[in-house]
Amino acid sequence: MKQIENMKYIIAILFTSLTLCAQDFNKLDENGKKNGIWKGVYETSKRPRYEGTFEHGKEIGLFKFFDDTKAGTVIATREFNSKDNSCYTIFYNQNKNKVSEGKVVNKQFEGEWKYYHEDLPTVMTLEPYVNGKLNGIRKVFYKSGKIAEETTYKDGIKNGIYKSYAENDVVLEESVYKNGQYDGLAVFRNVDNQIAAQGAFKNGKKVGVWKMLVKGKLKDVNMNYQNKKFKKPTMPNQSDVKVEVKSEEKIPQDNIDEKMGRRMSR
């Protein structure tokens, strides 16, 4: 009888210990704000969604986010810096390869963001951000590491010099943008470095006399009589380069924010 009572006592102690351990995370402070280690789970599967540390409602240190599988693969990390209210974010695919990485400040992209070729460590795109908008030269690279494209942005809009390159280093296009449209002198070449078209733009349309490649020879064409929008010459297929990266494809921001129990605006 005494052994049974002792066993009940031991079980009670173990149960109390387990209860206390279970309460070591997902706590609130006296003001009802998250404090200490927090762990989120997927609603249906109850698998881990994220884990990280809060200090009176504010994220600190490293947060990890997991996919909804038995493997629980890390699909993103965020390193929070309380000094400048920033977090360095890295996204991964389910093969554990980086998809993109960069810094967010006050819920906006800031500084240089990197995007990688699929399942490769080589950079596909470099994008410079200021207050959440592209500012500076956005660069796209071939898988070989050679430059494929350079586009100048100001406040999220194409403004300035644009260049595209073949993988043999030939400059396929040199042009100028103003407020998102062609405006200024432009030169288009084929992969053999032969000029295919050359002339000026105004508000996205060709103007004045252009030199156009016709049957292997450059021919002068007065575009003032054409009254047509410009159509680029046919360029070689750059099959392994994603020149444009749609914002909704490159960073699954909303999924990560749901995991954190908060919404981040781009």
Protein backbone atom coordinates (compact mmCIF):
# COMPACT_ATOMS: atom_id res chain seq x y z
CA MET A 1 0.00 0.00 0.00
CA LYS A 2 2.83 2.32 0.90
CA GLN A 3 4.56 1.53 -2.41
CA ILE A 4 1.40 2.48 -4.28
CA GLU A 5 1.20 5.77 -2.42
CA ASN A 6 4.86 6.47 -3.17
CA MET A 7 4.26 5.69 -6.84
CA LYS A 8 1.30 8.07 -6.93
CA TYR A 9 3.47 10.74 -5.34
CA ILE A 10 6.22 10.24 -7.92
CA ILE A 11 3.68 10.35 -10.78
CA ALA A 12 2.23 13.55 -9.36
CA ILE A 13 5.69 15.14 -9.25
CA LEU A 14 6.40 14.04 -12.83
CA PHE A 15 3.07 15.40 -14.03
CA THR A 16 3.72 18.71 -12.28
CA SER A 17 7.20 18.89 -13.83
CA LEU A 18 5.83 18.21 -17.29
CA THR A 19 3.18 20.87 -16.80
CA LEU A 20 5.78 23.39 -15.75
CA CYS A 21 7.94 22.49 -18.76
CA ALA A 22 4.96 22.90 -21.06
CA GLN A 23 4.49 26.39 -19.69
CA ASP A 24 8.03 27.47 -20.53
CA PHE A 25 6.83 28.94 -23.84
CA ASN A 26 3.89 30.88 -25.30
CA LYS A 27 3.65 33.15 -22.25
CA LEU A 28 2.26 36.67 -21.96
CA ASP A 29 3.59 39.47 -19.80
CA GLU A 30 1.51 41.50 -17.35
CA ASN A 31 0.29 43.67 -20.23
CA GLY A 32 -0.86 40.73 -22.31
CA LYS A 33 2.05 40.90 -24.74
CA LYS A 34 4.02 37.91 -25.97
CA ASN A 35 7.11 37.35 -23.87
CA GLY A 36 9.79 34.68 -23.99
CA ILE A 37 9.87 31.70 -26.34
CA TRP A 38 6.86 31.25 -28.61
CA LYS A 39 6.03 28.27 -30.79
CA GLY A 40 3.26 28.24 -33.37
CA VAL A 41 1.64 25.19 -34.95
CA TYR A 42 -0.37 24.53 -38.10
CA GLU A 43 -4.06 24.50 -37.24
CA THR A 44 -4.94 21.17 -38.86
CA SER A 45 -1.80 19.05 -38.60
CA LYS A 46 -0.54 20.59 -35.34
CA ARG A 47 2.96 20.44 -36.78
CA PRO A 48 5.39 23.25 -35.87
CA ARG A 49 4.96 26.44 -37.90
CA TYR A 50 7.49 28.76 -36.25
CA GLU A 51 9.52 29.34 -33.15
CA GLY A 52 11.23 32.43 -31.81
CA THR A 53 11.59 34.76 -28.86
CA PHE A 54 9.57 37.85 -27.96
CA GLU A 55 10.50 40.57 -25.50
CA HIS A 56 7.31 42.23 -24.29
CA GLY A 57 5.62 41.92 -27.68
CA LYS A 58 8.68 42.56 -29.86
CA GLU A 59 10.57 39.89 -31.81
CA ILE A 60 14.21 39.48 -30.88
CA GLY A 61 16.94 37.22 -32.21
CA LEU A 62 16.36 34.38 -34.66
CA PHE A 63 12.95 33.10 -35.77
CA LYS A 64 12.56 29.87 -37.74
CA PHE A 65 9.62 28.92 -39.96
CA PHE A 66 8.80 25.35 -41.00
CA ASP A 67 6.83 23.73 -43.78
CA ASP A 68 3.76 21.62 -43.01
CA THR A 69 5.40 18.21 -43.48
CA LYS A 70 6.69 15.46 -41.21
CA ALA A 71 10.22 16.58 -42.07
CA GLY A 72 9.48 20.07 -40.78
CA THR A 73 11.94 21.65 -43.21
CA VAL A 74 13.02 25.21 -42.43
CA ILE A 75 11.60 27.40 -45.22
CA ALA A 76 12.59 30.77 -43.79
CA THR A 77 14.57 32.45 -41.05
CA ARG A 78 14.40 35.99 -39.72
CA GLU A 79 17.11 37.57 -37.60
CA PHE A 80 15.72 40.58 -35.73
CA ASN A 81 17.89 43.55 -34.79
CA SER A 82 16.38 45.81 -32.13
CA LYS A 83 18.90 48.59 -32.77
CA ASP A 84 17.57 49.56 -36.20
CA ASN A 85 14.19 47.79 -36.15
CA SER A 86 15.33 45.51 -38.97
CA CYS A 87 15.30 41.80 -39.68
CA TYR A 88 17.49 39.87 -42.08
CA THR A 89 15.32 37.35 -43.91
CA ILE A 90 16.34 34.21 -45.79
CA PHE A 91 13.87 32.07 -47.75
CA TYR A 92 14.60 28.43 -48.62
CA ASN A 93 12.94 25.88 -50.86
CA GLN A 94 12.16 22.37 -49.66
CA ASN A 95 15.51 21.18 -50.96
CA LYS A 96 17.09 23.46 -48.35
CA ASN A 97 18.54 25.78 -51.00
CA LYS A 98 18.29 29.54 -50.71
CA VAL A 99 15.62 31.26 -52.78
CA SER A 100 16.22 34.84 -51.69
CA GLU A 101 17.63 36.91 -48.86
CA GLY A 102 17.80 40.50 -47.70
CA LYS A 103 16.91 43.01 -45.03
CA VAL A 104 13.53 44.42 -44.04
CA VAL A 105 13.37 47.71 -42.11
CA ASN A 106 10.09 49.03 -40.76
CA LYS A 107 8.27 46.39 -42.80
CA GLN A 108 9.90 47.49 -46.08
CA PHE A 109 12.70 46.06 -48.20
CA GLU A 110 15.99 47.87 -47.61
CA GLY A 111 19.44 47.56 -49.14
CA GLU A 112 20.49 44.74 -51.44
CA TRP A 113 18.24 41.71 -51.94
CA LYS A 114 19.58 38.56 -53.58
CA TYR A 115 17.62 36.00 -55.58
CA TYR A 116 19.15 32.67 -56.56
CA HIS A 117 18.88 30.38 -59.57
CA GLU A 118 16.71 27.40 -58.67
CA ASP A 119 18.58 24.84 -56.55
CA LEU A 120 21.89 26.58 -57.22
CA PRO A 121 24.11 28.76 -55.02
CA THR A 122 24.64 31.23 -57.87
CA VAL A 123 22.92 34.61 -57.73
CA MET A 124 20.26 35.23 -60.38
CA THR A 125 19.24 38.79 -59.44
CA LEU A 126 20.53 41.63 -57.27
CA GLU A 127 18.02 44.32 -56.38
CA PRO A 128 18.80 47.58 -54.51
CA TYR A 129 16.01 48.95 -52.29
CA VAL A 130 15.45 52.24 -50.50
CA ASN A 131 12.33 52.49 -48.36
CA GLY A 132 10.74 49.52 -50.10
CA LYS A 133 11.32 50.74 -53.66
CA LEU A 134 13.92 49.81 -56.25
CA ASN A 135 16.58 52.52 -56.41
CA GLY A 136 19.79 52.01 -58.34
CA ILE A 137 20.90 49.30 -60.76
CA ARG A 138 19.04 45.99 -60.76
CA LYS A 139 21.26 43.21 -62.13
CA VAL A 140 20.36 39.81 -63.60
CA PHE A 141 22.95 37.06 -64.12
CA TYR A 142 23.24 33.89 -66.16
CA LYS A 143 23.83 30.64 -64.30
CA SER A 144 27.46 30.97 -65.37
CA GLY A 145 27.69 34.15 -63.32
CA LYS A 146 27.98 36.44 -66.35
CA ILE A 147 25.86 39.58 -66.43
CA ALA A 148 22.62 39.31 -68.44
CA GLU A 149 20.86 42.58 -67.69
CA GLU A 150 21.31 45.94 -65.96
CA THR A 151 18.35 48.22 -65.34
CA THR A 152 18.43 51.60 -63.60
CA TYR A 153 15.54 52.37 -61.25
CA LYS A 154 14.41 55.43 -59.34
CA ASP A 155 11.62 55.11 -56.79
CA GLY A 156 10.53 51.79 -58.28
CA ILE A 157 10.35 53.00 -61.90
CA LYS A 158 12.79 52.44 -64.74
CA ASN A 159 14.77 55.65 -65.12
CA GLY A 160 18.17 55.80 -66.74
CA ILE A 161 20.46 53.45 -68.65
CA TYR A 162 19.39 49.92 -69.53
CA LYS A 163 21.67 47.18 -70.93
CA SER A 164 21.17 43.54 -71.82
CA TYR A 165 23.95 41.10 -72.67
CA ALA A 166 24.39 37.82 -74.49
CA GLU A 167 26.37 35.19 -72.64
CA ASN A 168 29.27 35.82 -75.04
CA ASP A 169 29.44 39.38 -73.57
CA VAL A 170 27.89 41.09 -76.63
CA VAL A 171 25.72 44.05 -75.55
CA LEU A 172 22.38 43.19 -77.14
CA GLU A 173 20.69 46.41 -76.11
CA GLU A 174 21.75 49.83 -74.90
CA SER A 175 18.89 52.19 -74.23
CA VAL A 176 17.55 54.86 -71.90
CA TYR A 177 14.33 54.89 -69.88
CA LYS A 178 12.42 57.85 -68.53
CA ASN A 179 9.45 57.29 -66.22
CA GLY A 180 9.20 53.66 -67.30
CA GLN A 181 9.32 54.29 -71.06
CA TYR A 182 12.01 54.31 -73.74
CA ASP A 183 13.28 57.86 -74.12
CA GLY A 184 16.59 58.74 -75.80
CA LEU A 185 19.15 56.99 -77.98
CA ALA A 186 19.03 53.20 -78.30
CA VAL A 187 21.11 50.53 -80.04
CA PHE A 188 20.07 46.91 -80.60
CA ARG A 189 22.52 44.23 -81.70
CA ASN A 190 22.33 40.57 -82.58
CA VAL A 191 24.44 37.91 -80.89
CA ASP A 192 27.12 38.39 -83.57
CA ASN A 193 27.52 42.01 -82.43
CA GLN A 194 25.94 43.36 -85.59
CA ILE A 195 23.66 46.39 -85.21
CA ALA A 196 20.05 45.39 -85.84
CA ALA A 197 18.46 48.76 -85.09
CA GLN A 198 19.65 52.17 -83.93
CA GLY A 199 17.85 55.44 -83.29
CA ALA A 200 16.00 57.63 -80.79
CA PHE A 201 12.85 57.29 -78.71
CA LYS A 202 10.45 59.88 -77.38
CA ASN A 203 7.82 58.85 -74.82
CA GLY A 204 8.16 55.19 -75.80
CA LYS A 205 7.97 55.74 -79.59
CA LYS A 206 10.65 55.77 -82.26
CA VAL A 207 11.28 59.21 -83.72
CA GLY A 208 13.48 60.63 -86.44
CA VAL A 209 15.68 58.58 -88.74
CA TRP A 210 16.54 55.07 -87.59
CA LYS A 211 19.05 52.65 -89.01
CA MET A 212 17.40 49.26 -89.48
CA LEU A 213 19.05 46.02 -90.54
CA VAL A 214 17.38 44.85 -93.77
CA LYS A 215 18.75 41.83 -95.64
CA GLY A 216 22.13 42.19 -94.00
CA LYS A 217 22.46 45.94 -94.60
CA LEU A 218 21.58 48.99 -92.50
CA LYS A 219 18.83 51.06 -94.06
CA ASP A 220 17.68 54.55 -93.04
CA VAL A 221 14.01 54.68 -92.09
CA ASN A 222 12.21 57.89 -91.10
CA MET A 223 10.12 56.92 -88.10
CA ASN A 224 8.21 60.18 -88.03
CA TYR A 225 6.01 58.68 -90.74
CA GLN A 226 5.56 55.30 -89.11
CA ASN A 227 3.27 56.32 -86.23
CA LYS A 228 3.71 52.92 -84.64
CA LYS A 229 4.79 51.82 -81.21
CA PHE A 230 8.23 50.29 -81.08
CA LYS A 231 8.61 46.55 -81.36
CA LYS A 232 11.97 45.13 -80.31
CA PRO A 233 14.02 43.20 -82.86
CA THR A 234 14.03 39.45 -82.31
CA MET A 235 16.76 38.60 -79.82
CA PRO A 236 18.33 35.21 -79.05
CA ASN A 237 16.47 33.11 -76.52
CA GLN A 238 17.92 33.53 -73.02
CA SER A 239 16.28 30.38 -71.72
CA ASP A 240 18.13 30.14 -68.43
CA VAL A 241 17.57 33.70 -67.28
CA LYS A 242 14.43 35.04 -65.69
CA VAL A 243 14.74 38.67 -66.67
CA GLU A 244 11.66 39.80 -64.80
CA VAL A 245 10.83 38.44 -61.35
CA LYS A 246 7.26 39.07 -60.30
CA SER A 247 7.00 40.38 -56.80
CA GLU A 248 4.32 37.88 -55.82
CA GLU A 249 6.52 34.95 -56.95
CA LYS A 250 9.80 35.89 -55.43
CA ILE A 251 8.91 36.28 -51.77
CA PRO A 252 6.01 34.41 -50.13
CA GLN A 253 5.73 37.24 -47.60
CA ASP A 254 2.11 36.58 -46.58
CA ASN A 255 2.75 32.93 -45.74
CA ILE A 256 5.58 33.82 -43.41
CA ASP A 257 3.61 36.62 -41.77
CA GLU A 258 0.73 34.27 -41.06
CA LYS A 259 3.16 31.94 -39.37
CA MET A 260 4.28 34.79 -37.16
CA GLY A 261 0.74 35.81 -36.33
CA ARG A 262 1.19 39.25 -37.89
CA ARG A 263 0.95 40.88 -41.30
CA MET A 264 3.88 42.54 -43.05
CA SER A 265 3.21 45.07 -45.79
CA ARG A 266 5.58 45.39 -48.77
